[in-house]
PDB file of N, CA and C in Angstrom:
ATOM      1  N   MET A   1      26.046  42.000 -48.082  1.00  0.00           N
ATOM      2  CA  MET A   1      23.850  41.601 -48.129  1.00  0.00           C
ATOM      3  C   MET A   1      23.610  40.767 -47.095  1.00  0.00           C
ATOM      4  N   HIS A   2      22.128  40.925 -47.434  1.00  0.00           N
ATOM      5  CA  HIS A   2      21.414  39.669 -46.228  1.00  0.00           C
ATOM      6  C   HIS A   2      20.088  39.518 -46.623  1.00  0.00           C
ATOM      7  N   GLY A   3      19.821  37.882 -46.917  1.00  0.00           N
ATOM      8  CA  GLY A   3      18.875  37.026 -47.264  1.00  0.00           C
ATOM      9  C   GLY A   3      17.968  36.974 -46.106  1.00  0.00           C
ATOM     10  N   MET A   4      17.090  36.751 -46.457  1.00  0.00           N
ATOM     11  CA  MET A   4      15.455  36.928 -45.317  1.00  0.00           C
ATOM     12  C   MET A   4      14.570  36.025 -45.998  1.00  0.00           C
ATOM     13  N   LEU A   5      14.423  34.828 -45.848  1.00  0.00           N
ATOM     14  CA  LEU A   5      13.299  33.604 -46.309  1.00  0.00           C
ATOM     15  C   LEU A   5      11.681  33.639 -45.558  1.00  0.00           C
ATOM     16  N   ILE A   6      10.882  34.740 -46.083  1.00  0.00           N
ATOM     17  CA  ILE A   6       9.033  34.883 -45.307  1.00  0.00           C
ATOM     18  C   ILE A   6       8.302  33.894 -45.770  1.00  0.00           C
ATOM     19  N   THR A   7       8.095  32.715 -44.992  1.00  0.00           N
ATOM     20  CA  THR A   7       6.498  31.641 -45.638  1.00  0.00           C
ATOM     21  C   THR A   7       5.272  31.744 -44.734  1.00  0.00           C
ATOM     22  N   PHE A   8       4.300  31.644 -44.935  1.00  0.00           N
ATOM     23  CA  PHE A   8       4.178  31.279 -44.426  1.00  0.00           C
ATOM     24  C   PHE A   8       2.114  30.900 -45.276  1.00  0.00           C
ATOM     25  N   THR A   9       1.608  30.607 -44.105  1.00  0.00           N
ATOM     26  CA  THR A   9      -0.232  29.590 -44.517  1.00  0.00           C
ATOM     27  C   THR A   9      -0.884  30.548 -44.503  1.00  0.00           C
ATOM     28  N   THR A  10      -1.556  30.380 -46.063  1.00  0.00           N
ATOM     29  CA  THR A  10      -2.851  31.644 -46.458  1.00  0.00           C
ATOM     30  C   THR A  10      -3.954  30.186 -46.351  1.00  0.00           C
ATOM     31  N   ALA A  11      -5.109  30.869 -45.692  1.00  0.00           N
ATOM     32  CA  ALA A  11      -6.192  30.253 -46.173  1.00  0.00           C
ATOM     33  C   ALA A  11      -6.847  31.013 -47.336  1.00  0.00           C
ATOM     34  N   ILE A  12      -6.843  31.711 -47.738  1.00  0.00           N
ATOM     35  CA  ILE A  12      -7.038  32.343 -49.165  1.00  0.00           C
ATOM     36  C   ILE A  12      -6.513  31.665 -50.265  1.00  0.00           C
ATOM     37  N   PRO A  13      -7.159  31.448 -51.392  1.00  0.00           N
ATOM     38  CA  PRO A  13      -6.893  30.814 -52.043  1.00  0.00           C
ATOM     39  C   PRO A  13      -5.885  31.701 -53.601  1.00  0.00           C
ATOM     40  N   LEU A  14      -4.952  31.323 -53.403  1.00  0.00           N
ATOM     41  CA  LEU A  14      -4.275  31.955 -54.569  1.00  0.00           C
ATOM     42  C   LEU A  14      -4.567  32.974 -55.153  1.00  0.00           C
ATOM     43  N   ALA A  15      -5.425  32.284 -55.999  1.00  0.00           N
ATOM     44  CA  ALA A  15      -5.986  32.925 -57.347  1.00  0.00           C
ATOM     45  C   ALA A  15      -6.368  34.326 -57.587  1.00  0.00           C
ATOM     46  N   ASP A  16      -7.548  34.321 -55.833  1.00  0.00           N
ATOM     47  CA  ASP A  16      -8.048  35.723 -55.203  1.00  0.00           C
ATOM     48  C   ASP A  16      -6.806  36.626 -54.621  1.00  0.00           C
ATOM     49  N   LEU A  17      -5.357  35.958 -54.426  1.00  0.00           N
ATOM     50  CA  LEU A  17      -4.826  36.655 -53.911  1.00  0.00           C
ATOM     51  C   LEU A  17      -3.515  37.880 -54.726  1.00  0.00           C
ATOM     52  N   ASP A  18      -4.056  37.436 -56.139  1.00  0.00           N
ATOM     53  CA  ASP A  18      -3.220  38.178 -57.165  1.00  0.00           C
ATOM     54  C   ASP A  18      -2.409  39.610 -57.418  1.00  0.00           C
ATOM     55  N   GLY A  19      -4.341  40.125 -57.184  1.00  0.00           N
ATOM     56  CA  GLY A  19      -4.271  41.659 -57.329  1.00  0.00           C
ATOM     57  C   GLY A  19      -3.705  42.608 -55.604  1.00  0.00           C
ATOM     58  N   PRO A  20      -4.221  41.921 -54.208  1.00  0.00           N
ATOM     59  CA  PRO A  20      -3.306  42.298 -53.527  1.00  0.00           C
ATOM     60  C   PRO A  20      -2.201  41.700 -53.482  1.00  0.00           C
ATOM     61  N   PHE A  21      -1.184  40.599 -54.401  1.00  0.00           N
ATOM     62  CA  PHE A  21       0.224  40.430 -53.951  1.00  0.00           C
ATOM     63  C   PHE A  21       1.206  41.492 -55.653  1.00  0.00           C
ATOM     64  N   THR A  22      -0.317  42.174 -56.072  1.00  0.00           N
ATOM     65  CA  THR A  22       0.811  42.849 -57.340  1.00  0.00           C
ATOM     66  C   THR A  22       0.600  44.696 -56.451  1.00  0.00           C
ATOM     67  N   ASP A  23      -0.132  44.720 -55.497  1.00  0.00           N
ATOM     68  CA  ASP A  23      -0.183  45.818 -54.403  1.00  0.00           C
ATOM     69  C   ASP A  23       1.278  45.718 -53.892  1.00  0.00           C
ATOM     70  N   TYR A  24       1.413  44.899 -52.924  1.00  0.00           N
ATOM     71  CA  TYR A  24       2.173  44.440 -52.393  1.00  0.00           C
ATOM     72  C   TYR A  24       3.352  44.963 -52.910  1.00  0.00           C
ATOM     73  N   ALA A  25       4.050  43.909 -54.262  1.00  0.00           N
ATOM     74  CA  ALA A  25       5.384  43.663 -54.760  1.00  0.00           C
ATOM     75  C   ALA A  25       4.921  45.290 -55.019  1.00  0.00           C
ATOM     76  N   THR A  26       4.619  46.179 -55.246  1.00  0.00           N
ATOM     77  CA  THR A  26       4.427  47.892 -55.925  1.00  0.00           C
ATOM     78  C   THR A  26       5.224  48.898 -54.507  1.00  0.00           C
ATOM     79  N   SER A  27       4.228  48.276 -53.375  1.00  0.00           N
ATOM     80  CA  SER A  27       4.765  49.253 -52.334  1.00  0.00           C
ATOM     81  C   SER A  27       6.522  48.327 -51.957  1.00  0.00           C
ATOM     82  N   LEU A  28       6.785  47.459 -52.453  1.00  0.00           N
ATOM     83  CA  LEU A  28       7.932  46.853 -51.883  1.00  0.00           C
ATOM     84  C   LEU A  28       9.343  47.227 -52.732  1.00  0.00           C
ATOM     85  N   ARG A  29       9.038  47.831 -53.246  1.00  0.00           N
ATOM     86  CA  ARG A  29       9.777  48.628 -54.528  1.00  0.00           C
ATOM     87  C   ARG A  29      10.032  50.172 -54.507  1.00  0.00           C
ATOM     88  N   GLN A  30       9.380  50.186 -52.699  1.00  0.00           N
ATOM     89  CA  GLN A  30       9.624  51.636 -51.759  1.00  0.00           C
ATOM     90  C   GLN A  30      10.865  51.199 -50.359  1.00  0.00           C
ATOM     91  N   VAL A  31      11.007  50.201 -50.272  1.00  0.00           N
ATOM     92  CA  VAL A  31      11.674  50.014 -48.855  1.00  0.00           C
ATOM     93  C   VAL A  31      12.562  50.133 -49.172  1.00  0.00           C
ATOM     94  N   ASP A  32      13.437  50.797 -48.263  1.00  0.00           N
ATOM     95  CA  ASP A  32      14.510  51.041 -48.286  1.00  0.00           C
ATOM     96  C   ASP A  32      15.682  49.962 -48.501  1.00  0.00           C
ATOM     97  N   GLY A  33      17.063  49.768 -49.175  1.00  0.00           N
ATOM     98  CA  GLY A  33      17.631  48.677 -48.947  1.00  0.00           C
ATOM     99  C   GLY A  33      17.881  47.098 -49.495  1.00  0.00           C
ATOM    100  N   LEU A  34      15.926  47.546 -50.105  1.00  0.00           N
ATOM    101  CA  LEU A  34      15.679  45.708 -50.609  1.00  0.00           C
ATOM    102  C   LEU A  34      16.439  45.837 -52.470  1.00  0.00           C
ATOM    103  N   VAL A  35      16.628  44.869 -52.325  1.00  0.00           N
ATOM    104  CA  VAL A  35      17.608  44.712 -53.756  1.00  0.00           C
ATOM    105  C   VAL A  35      16.511  43.840 -54.583  1.00  0.00           C
ATOM    106  N   SER A  36      16.121  43.133 -54.045  1.00  0.00           N
ATOM    107  CA  SER A  36      14.943  41.931 -54.982  1.00  0.00           C
ATOM    108  C   SER A  36      13.985  41.139 -53.938  1.00  0.00           C
ATOM    109  N   LYS A  37      13.330  40.699 -54.606  1.00  0.00           N
ATOM    110  CA  LYS A  37      12.036  39.318 -53.625  1.00  0.00           C
ATOM    111  C   LYS A  37      11.865  38.405 -55.343  1.00  0.00           C
ATOM    112  N   ALA A  38      12.271  36.970 -54.862  1.00  0.00           N
ATOM    113  CA  ALA A  38      11.523  36.798 -55.414  1.00  0.00           C
ATOM    114  C   ALA A  38      10.230  35.479 -54.354  1.00  0.00           C
ATOM    115  N   TRP A  39       9.213  35.884 -55.778  1.00  0.00           N
ATOM    116  CA  TRP A  39       7.903  35.146 -55.270  1.00  0.00           C
ATOM    117  C   TRP A  39       8.756  33.266 -54.506  1.00  0.00           C
ATOM    118  N   LEU A  40       7.633  33.171 -53.574  1.00  0.00           N
ATOM    119  CA  LEU A  40       7.351  31.462 -53.510  1.00  0.00           C
ATOM    120  C   LEU A  40       6.296  31.185 -53.860  1.00  0.00           C
ATOM    121  N   GLN A  41       6.073  29.701 -54.102  1.00  0.00           N
ATOM    122  CA  GLN A  41       4.847  28.826 -53.251  1.00  0.00           C
ATOM    123  C   GLN A  41       5.507  27.232 -53.367  1.00  0.00           C
ATOM    124  N   GLU A  42       4.735  27.425 -52.256  1.00  0.00           N
ATOM    125  CA  GLU A  42       5.366  25.647 -51.062  1.00  0.00           C
ATOM    126  C   GLU A  42       4.388  24.571 -52.151  1.00  0.00           C
ATOM    127  N   SER A  43       3.480  25.098 -51.752  1.00  0.00           N
ATOM    128  CA  SER A  43       1.854  24.213 -52.006  1.00  0.00           C
ATOM    129  C   SER A  43       0.710  25.498 -52.139  1.00  0.00           C
ATOM    130  N   GLU A  44      -0.356  25.482 -52.258  1.00  0.00           N
ATOM    131  CA  GLU A  44      -1.755  25.877 -52.297  1.00  0.00           C
ATOM    132  C   GLU A  44      -2.349  26.514 -51.654  1.00  0.00           C
ATOM    133  N   THR A  45      -1.210  26.302 -50.143  1.00  0.00           N
ATOM    134  CA  THR A  45      -1.426  27.032 -49.283  1.00  0.00           C
ATOM    135  C   THR A  45      -0.409  28.125 -48.317  1.00  0.00           C
ATOM    136  N   VAL A  46       1.091  27.043 -48.059  1.00  0.00           N
ATOM    137  CA  VAL A  46       2.091  27.789 -48.816  1.00  0.00           C
ATOM    138  C   VAL A  46       2.602  28.771 -49.288  1.00  0.00           C
ATOM    139  N   VAL A  47       2.916  29.901 -49.387  1.00  0.00           N
ATOM    140  CA  VAL A  47       2.979  30.980 -50.162  1.00  0.00           C
ATOM    141  C   VAL A  47       4.597  32.112 -49.428  1.00  0.00           C
ATOM    142  N   GLY A  48       5.010  32.500 -50.358  1.00  0.00           N
ATOM    143  CA  GLY A  48       5.975  33.567 -49.738  1.00  0.00           C
ATOM    144  C   GLY A  48       7.220  34.163 -50.314  1.00  0.00           C
ATOM    145  N   GLY A  49       8.610  34.232 -50.157  1.00  0.00           N
ATOM    146  CA  GLY A  49       9.627  35.135 -50.485  1.00  0.00           C
ATOM    147  C   GLY A  49      11.051  34.847 -49.898  1.00  0.00           C
ATOM    148  N   PHE A  50      11.991  35.267 -51.528  1.00  0.00           N
ATOM    149  CA  PHE A  50      12.929  35.442 -50.067  1.00  0.00           C
ATOM    150  C   PHE A  50      13.691  36.529 -51.273  1.00  0.00           C
ATOM    151  N   HIS A  51      13.719  37.632 -49.906  1.00  0.00           N
ATOM    152  CA  HIS A  51      14.069  38.707 -50.012  1.00  0.00           C
ATOM    153  C   HIS A  51      15.428  39.397 -49.972  1.00  0.00           C
ATOM    154  N   LEU A  52      16.141  40.223 -50.307  1.00  0.00           N
ATOM    155  CA  LEU A  52      17.531  40.003 -50.445  1.00  0.00           C
ATOM    156  C   LEU A  52      17.795  41.419 -50.356  1.00  0.00           C
ATOM    157  N   PHE A  53      18.515  42.058 -48.819  1.00  0.00           N
ATOM    158  CA  PHE A  53      18.257  43.964 -48.792  1.00  0.00           C
ATOM    159  C   PHE A  53      20.395  43.525 -48.667  1.00  0.00           C
ATOM    160  N   THR A  54      20.421  44.542 -48.968  1.00  0.00           N
ATOM    161  CA  THR A  54      21.784  45.446 -49.021  1.00  0.00           C
ATOM    162  C   THR A  54      22.223  45.362 -47.380  1.00  0.00           C
ATOM    163  N   ASP A  55      21.768  45.249 -45.987  1.00  0.00           N
ATOM    164  CA  ASP A  55      22.631  44.624 -45.367  1.00  0.00           C
ATOM    165  C   ASP A  55      21.325  44.720 -44.228  1.00  0.00           C
ATOM    166  N   ALA A  56      21.893  43.572 -42.884  1.00  0.00           N
ATOM    167  CA  ALA A  56      20.971  43.368 -41.996  1.00  0.00           C
ATOM    168  C   ALA A  56      20.192  44.418 -41.464  1.00  0.00           C
ATOM    169  N   ALA A  57      20.358  45.804 -41.285  1.00  0.00           N
ATOM    170  CA  ALA A  57      19.246  46.506 -40.850  1.00  0.00           C
ATOM    171  C   ALA A  57      18.594  47.364 -41.582  1.00  0.00           C
ATOM    172  N   SER A  58      18.133  47.055 -42.164  1.00  0.00           N
ATOM    173  CA  SER A  58      17.604  47.381 -43.520  1.00  0.00           C
ATOM    174  C   SER A  58      16.612  46.202 -43.192  1.00  0.00           C
ATOM    175  N   ALA A  59      16.285  44.589 -42.987  1.00  0.00           N
ATOM    176  CA  ALA A  59      16.142  43.490 -43.323  1.00  0.00           C
ATOM    177  C   ALA A  59      15.455  43.555 -41.639  1.00  0.00           C
ATOM    178  N   ASP A  60      16.085  44.250 -41.012  1.00  0.00           N
ATOM    179  CA  ASP A  60      15.821  44.370 -39.563  1.00  0.00           C
ATOM    180  C   ASP A  60      14.351  45.624 -39.756  1.00  0.00           C
ATOM    181  N   ALA A  61      14.371  47.132 -40.166  1.00  0.00           N
ATOM    182  CA  ALA A  61      13.651  47.607 -40.332  1.00  0.00           C
ATOM    183  C   ALA A  61      12.691  47.238 -41.222  1.00  0.00           C
ATOM    184  N   TYR A  62      12.495  46.252 -42.212  1.00  0.00           N
ATOM    185  CA  TYR A  62      11.427  45.614 -43.033  1.00  0.00           C
ATOM    186  C   TYR A  62      10.678  44.929 -42.094  1.00  0.00           C
ATOM    187  N   LEU A  63      10.697  44.389 -41.555  1.00  0.00           N
ATOM    188  CA  LEU A  63      10.381  43.192 -40.388  1.00  0.00           C
ATOM    189  C   LEU A  63       9.584  43.992 -39.568  1.00  0.00           C
ATOM    190  N   GLU A  64      10.105  45.568 -39.244  1.00  0.00           N
ATOM    191  CA  GLU A  64       9.742  45.612 -37.873  1.00  0.00           C
ATOM    192  C   GLU A  64       8.416  46.930 -38.499  1.00  0.00           C
ATOM    193  N   SER A  65       8.525  47.400 -40.185  1.00  0.00           N
ATOM    194  CA  SER A  65       7.271  47.854 -40.313  1.00  0.00           C
ATOM    195  C   SER A  65       5.802  47.804 -40.137  1.00  0.00           C
ATOM    196  N   SER A  66       5.143  48.263 -40.843  1.00  0.00           N
ATOM    197  CA  SER A  66       3.266  48.429 -41.079  1.00  0.00           C
ATOM    198  C   SER A  66       3.511  47.441 -42.083  1.00  0.00           C
ATOM    199  N   MET A  67       4.327  47.472 -43.321  1.00  0.00           N
ATOM    200  CA  MET A  67       4.337  46.875 -43.938  1.00  0.00           C
ATOM    201  C   MET A  67       3.764  45.307 -43.558  1.00  0.00           C
ATOM    202  N   VAL A  68       4.831  45.278 -42.836  1.00  0.00           N
ATOM    203  CA  VAL A  68       4.845  43.945 -42.579  1.00  0.00           C
ATOM    204  C   VAL A  68       3.978  43.405 -41.158  1.00  0.00           C
ATOM    205  N   ALA A  69       3.497  44.284 -40.916  1.00  0.00           N
ATOM    206  CA  ALA A  69       2.578  44.046 -39.484  1.00  0.00           C
ATOM    207  C   ALA A  69       0.939  43.757 -40.213  1.00  0.00           C
ATOM    208  N   GLN A  70       1.596  44.537 -41.465  1.00  0.00           N
ATOM    209  CA  GLN A  70      -0.657  44.683 -41.593  1.00  0.00           C
ATOM    210  C   GLN A  70      -0.473  43.307 -42.953  1.00  0.00           C
ATOM    211  N   LEU A  71       0.679  42.397 -43.276  1.00  0.00           N
ATOM    212  CA  LEU A  71       0.710  40.724 -43.703  1.00  0.00           C
ATOM    213  C   LEU A  71       0.460  40.004 -42.594  1.00  0.00           C
ATOM    214  N   GLN A  72       1.332  40.331 -41.746  1.00  0.00           N
ATOM    215  CA  GLN A  72       0.974  39.230 -40.309  1.00  0.00           C
ATOM    216  C   GLN A  72      -0.481  39.321 -40.169  1.00  0.00           C
ATOM    217  N   ALA A  73      -1.239  40.626 -40.061  1.00  0.00           N
ATOM    218  CA  ALA A  73      -2.618  40.952 -39.558  1.00  0.00           C
ATOM    219  C   ALA A  73      -3.478  40.384 -40.435  1.00  0.00           C
ATOM    220  N   THR A  74      -3.705  40.058 -41.683  1.00  0.00           N
ATOM    221  CA  THR A  74      -4.106  39.538 -42.586  1.00  0.00           C
ATOM    222  C   THR A  74      -5.560  39.046 -41.962  1.00  0.00           C
ATOM    223  N   GLU A  75      -6.618  38.558 -41.909  1.00  0.00           N
ATOM    224  CA  GLU A  75      -7.289  37.632 -41.817  1.00  0.00           C
ATOM    225  C   GLU A  75      -6.960  36.119 -42.395  1.00  0.00           C
ATOM    226  N   GLY A  76      -6.804  35.212 -42.682  1.00  0.00           N
ATOM    227  CA  GLY A  76      -6.742  34.013 -43.594  1.00  0.00           C
ATOM    228  C   GLY A  76      -4.836  33.695 -43.576  1.00  0.00           C
ATOM    229  N   PHE A  77      -4.589  34.470 -42.919  1.00  0.00           N
ATOM    230  CA  PHE A  77      -3.064  34.373 -42.877  1.00  0.00           C
ATOM    231  C   PHE A  77      -2.111  34.156 -42.143  1.00  0.00           C
ATOM    232  N   SER A  78      -1.141  32.726 -41.458  1.00  0.00           N
ATOM    233  CA  SER A  78      -0.719  32.616 -40.157  1.00  0.00           C
ATOM    234  C   SER A  78       0.515  31.846 -40.557  1.00  0.00           C
ATOM    235  N   HIS A  79       1.377  31.522 -39.598  1.00  0.00           N
ATOM    236  CA  HIS A  79       1.869  30.489 -39.226  1.00  0.00           C
ATOM    237  C   HIS A  79       3.638  30.717 -40.304  1.00  0.00           C
ATOM    238  N   PHE A  80       3.503  32.117 -39.804  1.00  0.00           N
ATOM    239  CA  PHE A  80       4.555  33.089 -39.720  1.00  0.00           C
ATOM    240  C   PHE A  80       5.880  32.717 -39.457  1.00  0.00           C
ATOM    241  N   VAL A  81       7.120  31.893 -40.804  1.00  0.00           N
ATOM    242  CA  VAL A  81       8.355  32.030 -40.536  1.00  0.00           C
ATOM    243  C   VAL A  81       9.615  32.540 -41.217  1.00  0.00           C
ATOM    244  N   VAL A  82       9.935  33.412 -39.580  1.00  0.00           N
ATOM    245  CA  VAL A  82      11.047  34.311 -40.874  1.00  0.00           C
ATOM    246  C   VAL A  82      12.900  32.406 -40.428  1.00  0.00           C
ATOM    247  N   ARG A  83      13.940  33.277 -42.037  1.00  0.00           N
ATOM    248  CA  ARG A  83      14.905  32.854 -42.137  1.00  0.00           C
ATOM    249  C   ARG A  83      15.746  33.678 -42.565  1.00  0.00           C
ATOM    250  N   ARG A  84      16.266  33.949 -41.471  1.00  0.00           N
ATOM    251  CA  ARG A  84      18.094  34.463 -41.807  1.00  0.00           C
ATOM    252  C   ARG A  84      19.136  34.418 -42.526  1.00  0.00           C
ATOM    253  N   PHE A  85      19.702  34.981 -43.336  1.00  0.00           N
ATOM    254  CA  PHE A  85      20.966  34.322 -44.544  1.00  0.00           C
ATOM    255  C   PHE A  85      22.062  35.576 -44.662  1.00  0.00           C
ATOM    256  N   GLU A  86      23.044  35.729 -44.420  1.00  0.00           N
ATOM    257  CA  GLU A  86      23.874  36.270 -44.534  1.00  0.00           C
ATOM    258  C   GLU A  86      24.208  35.878 -46.128  1.00  0.00           C
ATOM    259  N   ILE A  87      24.767  36.795 -46.957  1.00  0.00           N
ATOM    260  CA  ILE A  87      25.097  36.377 -47.951  1.00  0.00           C
ATOM    261  C   ILE A  87      26.669  36.180 -48.766  1.00  0.00           C
ATOM    262  N   ILE A  88      27.759  35.620 -49.228  1.00  0.00           N
ATOM    263  CA  ILE A  88      28.411  35.137 -49.538  1.00  0.00           C
ATOM    264  C   ILE A  88      28.895  36.136 -50.505  1.00  0.00           C
ATOM    265  N   ASP A  89      29.265  37.676 -50.180  1.00  0.00           N
ATOM    266  CA  ASP A  89      29.318  38.240 -50.901  1.00  0.00           C
ATOM    267  C   ASP A  89      30.158  38.478 -52.656  1.00  0.00           C
ATOM    268  N   HIS A  90      30.847  37.483 -52.523  1.00  0.00           N
ATOM    269  CA  HIS A  90      32.227  36.924 -54.145  1.00  0.00           C
ATOM    270  C   HIS A  90      31.933  36.121 -54.621  1.00  0.00           C
ATOM    271  N   LEU A  91      31.183  35.382 -53.986  1.00  0.00           N
ATOM    272  CA  LEU A  91      30.384  33.988 -54.905  1.00  0.00           C
ATOM    273  C   LEU A  91      29.454  33.981 -55.602  1.00  0.00           C
ATOM    274  N   SER A  92      28.317  35.091 -54.877  1.00  0.00           N
ATOM    275  CA  SER A  92      27.040  35.533 -55.597  1.00  0.00           C
ATOM    276  C   SER A  92      27.157  36.709 -57.037  1.00  0.00           C
ATOM    277  N   ALA A  93      28.407  37.381 -56.472  1.00  0.00           N
ATOM    278  CA  ALA A  93      28.489  38.314 -57.561  1.00  0.00           C
ATOM    279  C   ALA A  93      28.987  37.433 -59.398  1.00  0.00           C
ATOM    280  N   MET A  94      29.943  36.688 -58.228  1.00  0.00           N
ATOM    281  CA  MET A  94      30.284  35.272 -59.631  1.00  0.00           C
ATOM    282  C   MET A  94      29.013  34.733 -60.652  1.00  0.00           C
ATOM    283  N   THR A  95      27.691  34.441 -59.701  1.00  0.00           N
ATOM    284  CA  THR A  95      26.522  34.176 -60.763  1.00  0.00           C
ATOM    285  C   THR A  95      25.481  34.728 -60.642  1.00  0.00           C
ATOM    286  N   GLY A  96      25.561  36.201 -60.450  1.00  0.00           N
ATOM    287  CA  GLY A  96      24.708  37.382 -61.303  1.00  0.00           C
ATOM    288  C   GLY A  96      24.350  38.438 -60.248  1.00  0.00           C
ATOM    289  N   VAL A  97      24.602  38.351 -58.416  1.00  0.00           N
ATOM    290  CA  VAL A  97      24.004  39.135 -57.836  1.00  0.00           C
ATOM    291  C   VAL A  97      25.274  40.203 -57.504  1.00  0.00           C
ATOM    292  N   ALA A  98      25.185  41.382 -58.150  1.00  0.00           N
ATOM    293  CA  ALA A  98      25.427  42.220 -57.854  1.00  0.00           C
ATOM    294  C   ALA A  98      24.937  43.034 -56.253  1.00  0.00           C
ATOM    295  N   PRO A  99      25.572  43.285 -55.735  1.00  0.00           N
ATOM    296  CA  PRO A  99      25.994  43.528 -54.095  1.00  0.00           C
ATOM    297  C   PRO A  99      25.040  45.774 -54.254  1.00  0.00           C
ATOM    298  N   THR A 100      25.458  45.882 -55.884  1.00  0.00           N
ATOM    299  CA  THR A 100      24.772  47.793 -55.610  1.00  0.00           C
ATOM    300  C   THR A 100      23.774  48.071 -56.228  1.00  0.00           C
ATOM    301  N   THR A 101      22.988  46.796 -56.676  1.00  0.00           N
ATOM    302  CA  THR A 101      21.709  46.666 -57.708  1.00  0.00           C
ATOM    303  C   THR A 101      20.919  46.540 -56.375  1.00  0.00           C
ATOM    304  N   VAL A 102      19.612  47.951 -56.485  1.00  0.00           N
ATOM    305  CA  VAL A 102      19.031  47.907 -56.176  1.00  0.00           C
ATOM    306  C   VAL A 102      17.821  48.241 -56.475  1.00  0.00           C
ATOM    307  N   VAL A 103      16.466  47.415 -56.253  1.00  0.00           N
ATOM    308  CA  VAL A 103      15.322  47.616 -56.520  1.00  0.00           C
ATOM    309  C   VAL A 103      14.368  49.106 -56.617  1.00  0.00           C
TER     310      VAL A 103
END
């Protein structure tokens, strides 16, 4: 499996993002290879998520998708940071991450 942490700065109040982020979450359910996404908030202006994919190729496809392009083009969003991680499957399975579980 492959993990990806994406964070960005928003000038839009978080209360105003609930609807758009709900729509985005619904669309994420259709992303091939996505196992899960944990939505994260570091502060009132820094948000993002930890994405778990079945493999690096699925993560690559997501990063190259129109969904991500539209997110990055959103007025008020900036300073996107992407960090990628290989998942240690056997240890992750011991703590509840099943490699075959896909949303």
